[in-house]
Amino acid sequence: LPVLIDLSDLTYCDSTGITVLIGADRRASETGAPLVLVGV
């Protein structure tokens, strides 16, 4: 179940936002799911 997080239209990201993305990566790693950040 690949998960792509499309950030193409993100206009601002602070440390809290980065922490959310790290959490997504942690969850993907724990489950073996491919995770890709798109449009950074």
ModelCIF file with pLDDT and N, C-alpha, C, O atoms, coordinates in Angstrom:
data_MODEL
#
_entry.id   MODEL 
#
_entity.id                         1 
_entity.type                       polymer 
_entity.pdbx_number_of_molecules   1 
#
_entity_poly.entity_id                      1 
_entity_poly.type                           'polypeptide(L)' 
_entity_poly.nstd_linkage                   no 
_entity_poly.nstd_monomer                   no 
_entity_poly.pdbx_seq_one_letter_code       LPVLIDLSDLTYCDSTGITVLIGADRRASETGAPLVLVGV 
_entity_poly.pdbx_seq_one_letter_code_can   LPVLIDLSDLTYCDSTGITVLIGADRRASETGAPLVLVGV 
_entity_poly.pdbx_strand_id                 A 
#
loop_
_entity_poly_seq.entity_id 
_entity_poly_seq.num 
_entity_poly_seq.mon_id 
_entity_poly_seq.hetero 
1 1  LEU n 
1 2  PRO n 
1 3  VAL n 
1 4  LEU n 
1 5  ILE n 
1 6  ASP n 
1 7  LEU n 
1 8  SER n 
1 9  ASP n 
1 10 LEU n 
1 11 THR n 
1 12 TYR n 
1 13 CYS n 
1 14 ASP n 
1 15 SER n 
1 16 THR n 
1 17 GLY n 
1 18 ILE n 
1 19 THR n 
1 20 VAL n 
1 21 LEU n 
1 22 ILE n 
1 23 GLY n 
1 24 ALA n 
1 25 ASP n 
1 26 ARG n 
1 27 ARG n 
1 28 ALA n 
1 29 SER n 
1 30 GLU n 
1 31 THR n 
1 32 GLY n 
1 33 ALA n 
1 34 PRO n 
1 35 LEU n 
1 36 VAL n 
1 37 LEU n 
1 38 VAL n 
1 39 GLY n 
1 40 VAL n 
#
_struct_asym.id          A 
_struct_asym.entity_id   1 
#
loop_
_ma_qa_metric.id 
_ma_qa_metric.mode 
_ma_qa_metric.name 
_ma_qa_metric.software_group_id 
_ma_qa_metric.type 
1 global pLDDT . pLDDT 
2 local  pLDDT . pLDDT 
#
_ma_qa_metric_global.metric_id      1 
_ma_qa_metric_global.metric_value   96.30 
_ma_qa_metric_global.model_id       1 
_ma_qa_metric_global.ordinal_id     1 
#
loop_
_ma_qa_metric_local.label_asym_id 
_ma_qa_metric_local.label_comp_id 
_ma_qa_metric_local.label_seq_id 
_ma_qa_metric_local.metric_id 
_ma_qa_metric_local.metric_value 
_ma_qa_metric_local.model_id 
_ma_qa_metric_local.ordinal_id 
A LEU 1  2 90.00 1 1  
A PRO 2  2 95.00 1 2  
A VAL 3  2 97.00 1 3  
A LEU 4  2 98.00 1 4  
A ILE 5  2 98.00 1 5  
A ASP 6  2 98.00 1 6  
A LEU 7  2 98.00 1 7  
A SER 8  2 97.00 1 8  
A ASP 9  2 97.00 1 9  
A LEU 10 2 96.00 1 10 
A THR 11 2 95.00 1 11 
A TYR 12 2 95.00 1 12 
A CYS 13 2 95.00 1 13 
A ASP 14 2 95.00 1 14 
A SER 15 2 95.00 1 15 
A THR 16 2 96.00 1 16 
A GLY 17 2 96.00 1 17 
A ILE 18 2 97.00 1 18 
A THR 19 2 97.00 1 19 
A VAL 20 2 97.00 1 20 
A LEU 21 2 98.00 1 21 
A ILE 22 2 97.00 1 22 
A GLY 23 2 97.00 1 23 
A ALA 24 2 97.00 1 24 
A ASP 25 2 97.00 1 25 
A ARG 26 2 96.00 1 26 
A ARG 27 2 95.00 1 27 
A ALA 28 2 96.00 1 28 
A SER 29 2 95.00 1 29 
A GLU 30 2 95.00 1 30 
A THR 31 2 95.00 1 31 
A GLY 32 2 95.00 1 32 
A ALA 33 2 95.00 1 33 
A PRO 34 2 96.00 1 34 
A LEU 35 2 97.00 1 35 
A VAL 36 2 98.00 1 36 
A LEU 37 2 98.00 1 37 
A VAL 38 2 98.00 1 38 
A GLY 39 2 98.00 1 39 
A VAL 40 2 97.00 1 40 
#
loop_
_atom_site.group_PDB 
_atom_site.id 
_atom_site.type_symbol 
_atom_site.label_atom_id 
_atom_site.label_alt_id 
_atom_site.label_comp_id 
_atom_site.label_asym_id 
_atom_site.label_entity_id 
_atom_site.label_seq_id 
_atom_site.pdbx_PDB_ins_code 
_atom_site.Cartn_x 
_atom_site.Cartn_y 
_atom_site.Cartn_z 
_atom_site.occupancy 
_atom_site.B_iso_or_equiv 
_atom_site.pdbx_formal_charge 
_atom_site.auth_seq_id 
_atom_site.auth_comp_id 
_atom_site.auth_asym_id 
_atom_site.auth_atom_id 
_atom_site.pdbx_PDB_model_num 
ATOM 1   N N  . LEU A 1 1  ? 0.833 -1.203 0.000  1.00 90.00 ? 1  LEU A N  1 
ATOM 2   C CA . LEU A 1 1  ? 0.000 0.000  0.000  1.00 90.00 ? 1  LEU A CA 1 
ATOM 3   C C  . LEU A 1 1  ? 0.873 1.260  0.000  1.00 90.00 ? 1  LEU A C  1 
ATOM 4   O O  . LEU A 1 1  ? 1.054 1.871  1.053  1.00 90.00 ? 1  LEU A O  1 
ATOM 5   N N  . PRO A 1 2  ? 1.412 1.658  -1.144 1.00 95.00 ? 2  PRO A N  1 
ATOM 6   C CA . PRO A 1 2  ? 2.245 2.856  -1.185 1.00 95.00 ? 2  PRO A CA 1 
ATOM 7   C C  . PRO A 1 2  ? 1.436 4.099  -0.808 1.00 95.00 ? 2  PRO A C  1 
ATOM 8   O O  . PRO A 1 2  ? 0.269 4.240  -1.174 1.00 95.00 ? 2  PRO A O  1 
ATOM 9   N N  . VAL A 1 3  ? 2.087 4.989  -0.069 1.00 97.00 ? 3  VAL A N  1 
ATOM 10  C CA . VAL A 1 3  ? 1.478 6.261  0.316  1.00 97.00 ? 3  VAL A CA 1 
ATOM 11  C C  . VAL A 1 3  ? 2.356 7.386  -0.219 1.00 97.00 ? 3  VAL A C  1 
ATOM 12  O O  . VAL A 1 3  ? 3.554 7.445  0.058  1.00 97.00 ? 3  VAL A O  1 
ATOM 13  N N  . LEU A 1 4  ? 1.744 8.267  -0.983 1.00 98.00 ? 4  LEU A N  1 
ATOM 14  C CA . LEU A 1 4  ? 2.434 9.429  -1.527 1.00 98.00 ? 4  LEU A CA 1 
ATOM 15  C C  . LEU A 1 4  ? 1.862 10.659 -0.847 1.00 98.00 ? 4  LEU A C  1 
ATOM 16  O O  . LEU A 1 4  ? 0.649 10.866 -0.852 1.00 98.00 ? 4  LEU A O  1 
ATOM 17  N N  . ILE A 1 5  ? 2.722 11.472 -0.266 1.00 98.00 ? 5  ILE A N  1 
ATOM 18  C CA . ILE A 1 5  ? 2.267 12.728 0.319  1.00 98.00 ? 5  ILE A CA 1 
ATOM 19  C C  . ILE A 1 5  ? 2.668 13.830 -0.649 1.00 98.00 ? 5  ILE A C  1 
ATOM 20  O O  . ILE A 1 5  ? 3.846 14.158 -0.792 1.00 98.00 ? 5  ILE A O  1 
ATOM 21  N N  . ASP A 1 6  ? 1.662 14.393 -1.308 1.00 98.00 ? 6  ASP A N  1 
ATOM 22  C CA . ASP A 1 6  ? 1.882 15.400 -2.338 1.00 98.00 ? 6  ASP A CA 1 
ATOM 23  C C  . ASP A 1 6  ? 1.909 16.785 -1.707 1.00 98.00 ? 6  ASP A C  1 
ATOM 24  O O  . ASP A 1 6  ? 0.884 17.310 -1.273 1.00 98.00 ? 6  ASP A O  1 
ATOM 25  N N  . LEU A 1 7  ? 3.106 17.364 -1.667 1.00 98.00 ? 7  LEU A N  1 
ATOM 26  C CA . LEU A 1 7  ? 3.316 18.676 -1.046 1.00 98.00 ? 7  LEU A CA 1 
ATOM 27  C C  . LEU A 1 7  ? 3.456 19.782 -2.088 1.00 98.00 ? 7  LEU A C  1 
ATOM 28  O O  . LEU A 1 7  ? 3.938 20.871 -1.775 1.00 98.00 ? 7  LEU A O  1 
ATOM 29  N N  . SER A 1 8  ? 3.044 19.514 -3.311 1.00 97.00 ? 8  SER A N  1 
ATOM 30  C CA . SER A 1 8  ? 3.194 20.479 -4.403 1.00 97.00 ? 8  SER A CA 1 
ATOM 31  C C  . SER A 1 8  ? 2.565 21.833 -4.099 1.00 97.00 ? 8  SER A C  1 
ATOM 32  O O  . SER A 1 8  ? 3.082 22.870 -4.516 1.00 97.00 ? 8  SER A O  1 
ATOM 33  N N  . ASP A 1 9  ? 1.450 21.824 -3.373 1.00 97.00 ? 9  ASP A N  1 
ATOM 34  C CA . ASP A 1 9  ? 0.737 23.063 -3.078 1.00 97.00 ? 9  ASP A CA 1 
ATOM 35  C C  . ASP A 1 9  ? 0.938 23.541 -1.645 1.00 97.00 ? 9  ASP A C  1 
ATOM 36  O O  . ASP A 1 9  ? 0.186 24.384 -1.154 1.00 97.00 ? 9  ASP A O  1 
ATOM 37  N N  . LEU A 1 10 ? 1.953 23.002 -0.979 1.00 96.00 ? 10 LEU A N  1 
ATOM 38  C CA . LEU A 1 10 ? 2.278 23.456 0.374  1.00 96.00 ? 10 LEU A CA 1 
ATOM 39  C C  . LEU A 1 10 ? 3.012 24.790 0.270  1.00 96.00 ? 10 LEU A C  1 
ATOM 40  O O  . LEU A 1 10 ? 3.990 24.912 -0.467 1.00 96.00 ? 10 LEU A O  1 
ATOM 41  N N  . THR A 1 11 ? 2.538 25.782 1.006  1.00 95.00 ? 11 THR A N  1 
ATOM 42  C CA . THR A 1 11 ? 3.153 27.104 0.937  1.00 95.00 ? 11 THR A CA 1 
ATOM 43  C C  . THR A 1 11 ? 4.034 27.410 2.133  1.00 95.00 ? 11 THR A C  1 
ATOM 44  O O  . THR A 1 11 ? 4.858 28.324 2.074  1.00 95.00 ? 11 THR A O  1 
ATOM 45  N N  . TYR A 1 12 ? 3.875 26.659 3.225  1.00 95.00 ? 12 TYR A N  1 
ATOM 46  C CA . TYR A 1 12 ? 4.655 26.899 4.438  1.00 95.00 ? 12 TYR A CA 1 
ATOM 47  C C  . TYR A 1 12 ? 4.664 25.625 5.261  1.00 95.00 ? 12 TYR A C  1 
ATOM 48  O O  . TYR A 1 12 ? 3.668 24.903 5.308  1.00 95.00 ? 12 TYR A O  1 
ATOM 49  N N  . CYS A 1 13 ? 5.782 25.347 5.907  1.00 95.00 ? 13 CYS A N  1 
ATOM 50  C CA . CYS A 1 13 ? 5.889 24.189 6.792  1.00 95.00 ? 13 CYS A CA 1 
ATOM 51  C C  . CYS A 1 13 ? 6.847 24.530 7.922  1.00 95.00 ? 13 CYS A C  1 
ATOM 52  O O  . CYS A 1 13 ? 8.008 24.861 7.682  1.00 95.00 ? 13 CYS A O  1 
ATOM 53  N N  . ASP A 1 14 ? 6.357 24.447 9.160  1.00 95.00 ? 14 ASP A N  1 
ATOM 54  C CA . ASP A 1 14 ? 7.231 24.700 10.301 1.00 95.00 ? 14 ASP A CA 1 
ATOM 55  C C  . ASP A 1 14 ? 7.666 23.368 10.923 1.00 95.00 ? 14 ASP A C  1 
ATOM 56  O O  . ASP A 1 14 ? 7.418 22.303 10.358 1.00 95.00 ? 14 ASP A O  1 
ATOM 57  N N  . SER A 1 15 ? 8.303 23.437 12.069 1.00 95.00 ? 15 SER A N  1 
ATOM 58  C CA . SER A 1 15 ? 8.831 22.222 12.699 1.00 95.00 ? 15 SER A CA 1 
ATOM 59  C C  . SER A 1 15 ? 7.729 21.248 13.085 1.00 95.00 ? 15 SER A C  1 
ATOM 60  O O  . SER A 1 15 ? 7.948 20.036 13.072 1.00 95.00 ? 15 SER A O  1 
ATOM 61  N N  . THR A 1 16 ? 6.562 21.749 13.424 1.00 96.00 ? 16 THR A N  1 
ATOM 62  C CA . THR A 1 16 ? 5.446 20.856 13.747 1.00 96.00 ? 16 THR A CA 1 
ATOM 63  C C  . THR A 1 16 ? 5.044 20.068 12.512 1.00 96.00 ? 16 THR A C  1 
ATOM 64  O O  . THR A 1 16 ? 4.776 18.870 12.598 1.00 96.00 ? 16 THR A O  1 
ATOM 65  N N  . GLY A 1 17 ? 5.001 20.728 11.371 1.00 96.00 ? 17 GLY A N  1 
ATOM 66  C CA . GLY A 1 17 ? 4.679 20.047 10.124 1.00 96.00 ? 17 GLY A CA 1 
ATOM 67  C C  . GLY A 1 17 ? 5.710 18.992 9.775  1.00 96.00 ? 17 GLY A C  1 
ATOM 68  O O  . GLY A 1 17 ? 5.366 17.895 9.335  1.00 96.00 ? 17 GLY A O  1 
ATOM 69  N N  . ILE A 1 18 ? 6.966 19.327 9.972  1.00 97.00 ? 18 ILE A N  1 
ATOM 70  C CA . ILE A 1 18 ? 8.037 18.359 9.710  1.00 97.00 ? 18 ILE A CA 1 
ATOM 71  C C  . ILE A 1 18 ? 7.891 17.155 10.632 1.00 97.00 ? 18 ILE A C  1 
ATOM 72  O O  . ILE A 1 18 ? 8.126 16.020 10.217 1.00 97.00 ? 18 ILE A O  1 
ATOM 73  N N  . THR A 1 19 ? 7.506 17.398 11.882 1.00 97.00 ? 19 THR A N  1 
ATOM 74  C CA . THR A 1 19 ? 7.292 16.308 12.829 1.00 97.00 ? 19 THR A CA 1 
ATOM 75  C C  . THR A 1 19 ? 6.163 15.392 12.367 1.00 97.00 ? 19 THR A C  1 
ATOM 76  O O  . THR A 1 19 ? 6.253 14.176 12.533 1.00 97.00 ? 19 THR A O  1 
ATOM 77  N N  . VAL A 1 20 ? 5.109 15.950 11.793 1.00 97.00 ? 20 VAL A N  1 
ATOM 78  C CA . VAL A 1 20 ? 4.017 15.136 11.256 1.00 97.00 ? 20 VAL A CA 1 
ATOM 79  C C  . VAL A 1 20 ? 4.540 14.237 10.133 1.00 97.00 ? 20 VAL A C  1 
ATOM 80  O O  . VAL A 1 20 ? 4.194 13.058 10.066 1.00 97.00 ? 20 VAL A O  1 
ATOM 81  N N  . LEU A 1 21 ? 5.367 14.792 9.260  1.00 98.00 ? 21 LEU A N  1 
ATOM 82  C CA . LEU A 1 21 ? 5.928 14.005 8.160  1.00 98.00 ? 21 LEU A CA 1 
ATOM 83  C C  . LEU A 1 21 ? 6.852 12.905 8.678  1.00 98.00 ? 21 LEU A C  1 
ATOM 84  O O  . LEU A 1 21 ? 6.855 11.796 8.144  1.00 98.00 ? 21 LEU A O  1 
ATOM 85  N N  . ILE A 1 22 ? 7.624 13.201 9.700  1.00 97.00 ? 22 ILE A N  1 
ATOM 86  C CA . ILE A 1 22 ? 8.482 12.185 10.320 1.00 97.00 ? 22 ILE A CA 1 
ATOM 87  C C  . ILE A 1 22 ? 7.626 11.070 10.921 1.00 97.00 ? 22 ILE A C  1 
ATOM 88  O O  . ILE A 1 22 ? 7.976 9.893  10.828 1.00 97.00 ? 22 ILE A O  1 
ATOM 89  N N  . GLY A 1 23 ? 6.509 11.446 11.533 1.00 97.00 ? 23 GLY A N  1 
ATOM 90  C CA . GLY A 1 23 ? 5.585 10.449 12.074 1.00 97.00 ? 23 GLY A CA 1 
ATOM 91  C C  . GLY A 1 23 ? 5.026 9.542  10.991 1.00 97.00 ? 23 GLY A C  1 
ATOM 92  O O  . GLY A 1 23 ? 4.873 8.338  11.200 1.00 97.00 ? 23 GLY A O  1 
ATOM 93  N N  . ALA A 1 24 ? 4.719 10.119 9.828  1.00 97.00 ? 24 ALA A N  1 
ATOM 94  C CA . ALA A 1 24 ? 4.238 9.316  8.704  1.00 97.00 ? 24 ALA A CA 1 
ATOM 95  C C  . ALA A 1 24 ? 5.324 8.346  8.257  1.00 97.00 ? 24 ALA A C  1 
ATOM 96  O O  . ALA A 1 24 ? 5.042 7.185  7.960  1.00 97.00 ? 24 ALA A O  1 
ATOM 97  N N  . ASP A 1 25 ? 6.564 8.821  8.209  1.00 97.00 ? 25 ASP A N  1 
ATOM 98  C CA . ASP A 1 25 ? 7.672 7.946  7.827  1.00 97.00 ? 25 ASP A CA 1 
ATOM 99  C C  . ASP A 1 25 ? 7.855 6.816  8.840  1.00 97.00 ? 25 ASP A C  1 
ATOM 100 O O  . ASP A 1 25 ? 8.098 5.669  8.464  1.00 97.00 ? 25 ASP A O  1 
ATOM 101 N N  . ARG A 1 26 ? 7.739 7.144  10.102 1.00 96.00 ? 26 ARG A N  1 
ATOM 102 C CA . ARG A 1 26 ? 7.882 6.117  11.150 1.00 96.00 ? 26 ARG A CA 1 
ATOM 103 C C  . ARG A 1 26 ? 6.802 5.043  10.981 1.00 96.00 ? 26 ARG A C  1 
ATOM 104 O O  . ARG A 1 26 ? 7.081 3.846  11.062 1.00 96.00 ? 26 ARG A O  1 
ATOM 105 N N  . ARG A 1 27 ? 5.577 5.489  10.746 1.00 95.00 ? 27 ARG A N  1 
ATOM 106 C CA . ARG A 1 27 ? 4.476 4.532  10.567 1.00 95.00 ? 27 ARG A CA 1 
ATOM 107 C C  . ARG A 1 27 ? 4.703 3.679  9.325  1.00 95.00 ? 27 ARG A C  1 
ATOM 108 O O  . ARG A 1 27 ? 4.471 2.470  9.351  1.00 95.00 ? 27 ARG A O  1 
ATOM 109 N N  . ALA A 1 28 ? 5.154 4.299  8.241  1.00 96.00 ? 28 ALA A N  1 
ATOM 110 C CA . ALA A 1 28 ? 5.432 3.550  7.019  1.00 96.00 ? 28 ALA A CA 1 
ATOM 111 C C  . ALA A 1 28 ? 6.534 2.519  7.263  1.00 96.00 ? 28 ALA A C  1 
ATOM 112 O O  . ALA A 1 28 ? 6.429 1.378  6.814  1.00 96.00 ? 28 ALA A O  1 
ATOM 113 N N  . SER A 1 29 ? 7.573 2.915  7.965  1.00 95.00 ? 29 SER A N  1 
ATOM 114 C CA . SER A 1 29 ? 8.681 1.995  8.252  1.00 95.00 ? 29 SER A CA 1 
ATOM 115 C C  . SER A 1 29 ? 8.218 0.816  9.096  1.00 95.00 ? 29 SER A C  1 
ATOM 116 O O  . SER A 1 29 ? 8.613 -0.322 8.843  1.00 95.00 ? 29 SER A O  1 
ATOM 117 N N  . GLU A 1 30 ? 7.389 1.078  10.088 1.00 95.00 ? 30 GLU A N  1 
ATOM 118 C CA . GLU A 1 30 ? 6.901 0.018  10.973 1.00 95.00 ? 30 GLU A CA 1 
ATOM 119 C C  . GLU A 1 30 ? 6.043 -0.995 10.238 1.00 95.00 ? 30 GLU A C  1 
ATOM 120 O O  . GLU A 1 30 ? 5.994 -2.164 10.623 1.00 95.00 ? 30 GLU A O  1 
ATOM 121 N N  . THR A 1 31 ? 5.367 -0.561 9.185  1.00 95.00 ? 31 THR A N  1 
ATOM 122 C CA . THR A 1 31 ? 4.445 -1.441 8.459  1.00 95.00 ? 31 THR A CA 1 
ATOM 123 C C  . THR A 1 31 ? 5.018 -1.944 7.140  1.00 95.00 ? 31 THR A C  1 
ATOM 124 O O  . THR A 1 31 ? 4.395 -2.767 6.469  1.00 95.00 ? 31 THR A O  1 
ATOM 125 N N  . GLY A 1 32 ? 6.204 -1.457 6.760  1.00 95.00 ? 32 GLY A N  1 
ATOM 126 C CA . GLY A 1 32 ? 6.810 -1.853 5.497  1.00 95.00 ? 32 GLY A CA 1 
ATOM 127 C C  . GLY A 1 32 ? 6.197 -1.177 4.286  1.00 95.00 ? 32 GLY A C  1 
ATOM 128 O O  . GLY A 1 32 ? 6.381 -1.628 3.155  1.00 95.00 ? 32 GLY A O  1 
ATOM 129 N N  . ALA A 1 33 ? 5.469 -0.098 4.521  1.00 95.00 ? 33 ALA A N  1 
ATOM 130 C CA . ALA A 1 33 ? 4.812 0.614  3.419  1.00 95.00 ? 33 ALA A CA 1 
ATOM 131 C C  . ALA A 1 33 ? 5.774 1.577  2.739  1.00 95.00 ? 33 ALA A C  1 
ATOM 132 O O  . ALA A 1 33 ? 6.519 2.288  3.413  1.00 95.00 ? 33 ALA A O  1 
ATOM 133 N N  . PRO A 1 34 ? 5.766 1.608  1.414  1.00 96.00 ? 34 PRO A N  1 
ATOM 134 C CA . PRO A 1 34 ? 6.535 2.642  0.721  1.00 96.00 ? 34 PRO A CA 1 
ATOM 135 C C  . PRO A 1 34 ? 5.901 4.006  0.986  1.00 96.00 ? 34 PRO A C  1 
ATOM 136 O O  . PRO A 1 34 ? 4.681 4.151  0.907  1.00 96.00 ? 34 PRO A O  1 
ATOM 137 N N  . LEU A 1 35 ? 6.725 5.003  1.301  1.00 97.00 ? 35 LEU A N  1 
ATOM 138 C CA . LEU A 1 35 ? 6.261 6.371  1.514  1.00 97.00 ? 35 LEU A CA 1 
ATOM 139 C C  . LEU A 1 35 ? 7.130 7.290  0.675  1.00 97.00 ? 35 LEU A C  1 
ATOM 140 O O  . LEU A 1 35 ? 8.358 7.219  0.733  1.00 97.00 ? 35 LEU A O  1 
ATOM 141 N N  . VAL A 1 36 ? 6.493 8.150  -0.103 1.00 98.00 ? 36 VAL A N  1 
ATOM 142 C CA . VAL A 1 36 ? 7.217 9.085  -0.960 1.00 98.00 ? 36 VAL A CA 1 
ATOM 143 C C  . VAL A 1 36 ? 6.647 10.473 -0.751 1.00 98.00 ? 36 VAL A C  1 
ATOM 144 O O  . VAL A 1 36 ? 5.431 10.666 -0.769 1.00 98.00 ? 36 VAL A O  1 
ATOM 145 N N  . LEU A 1 37 ? 7.536 11.446 -0.551 1.00 98.00 ? 37 LEU A N  1 
ATOM 146 C CA . LEU A 1 37 ? 7.125 12.850 -0.527 1.00 98.00 ? 37 LEU A CA 1 
ATOM 147 C C  . LEU A 1 37 ? 7.250 13.385 -1.940 1.00 98.00 ? 37 LEU A C  1 
ATOM 148 O O  . LEU A 1 37 ? 8.288 13.236 -2.585 1.00 98.00 ? 37 LEU A O  1 
ATOM 149 N N  . VAL A 1 38 ? 6.193 14.004 -2.410 1.00 98.00 ? 38 VAL A N  1 
ATOM 150 C CA . VAL A 1 38 ? 6.098 14.443 -3.803 1.00 98.00 ? 38 VAL A CA 1 
ATOM 151 C C  . VAL A 1 38 ? 6.009 15.968 -3.862 1.00 98.00 ? 38 VAL A C  1 
ATOM 152 O O  . VAL A 1 38 ? 5.343 16.596 -3.038 1.00 98.00 ? 38 VAL A O  1 
ATOM 153 N N  . GLY A 1 39 ? 6.689 16.548 -4.848 1.00 98.00 ? 39 GLY A N  1 
ATOM 154 C CA . GLY A 1 39 ? 6.540 17.975 -5.112 1.00 98.00 ? 39 GLY A CA 1 
ATOM 155 C C  . GLY A 1 39 ? 7.097 18.890 -4.040 1.00 98.00 ? 39 GLY A C  1 
ATOM 156 O O  . GLY A 1 39 ? 6.575 19.985 -3.830 1.00 98.00 ? 39 GLY A O  1 
ATOM 157 N N  . VAL A 1 40 ? 8.140 18.463 -3.363 1.00 97.00 ? 40 VAL A N  1 
ATOM 158 C CA . VAL A 1 40 ? 8.735 19.282 -2.307 1.00 97.00 ? 40 VAL A CA 1 
ATOM 159 C C  . VAL A 1 40 ? 9.415 20.495 -2.944 1.00 97.00 ? 40 VAL A C  1 
ATOM 160 O O  . VAL A 1 40 ? 9.986 21.325 -2.236 1.00 97.00 ? 40 VAL A O  1 
#
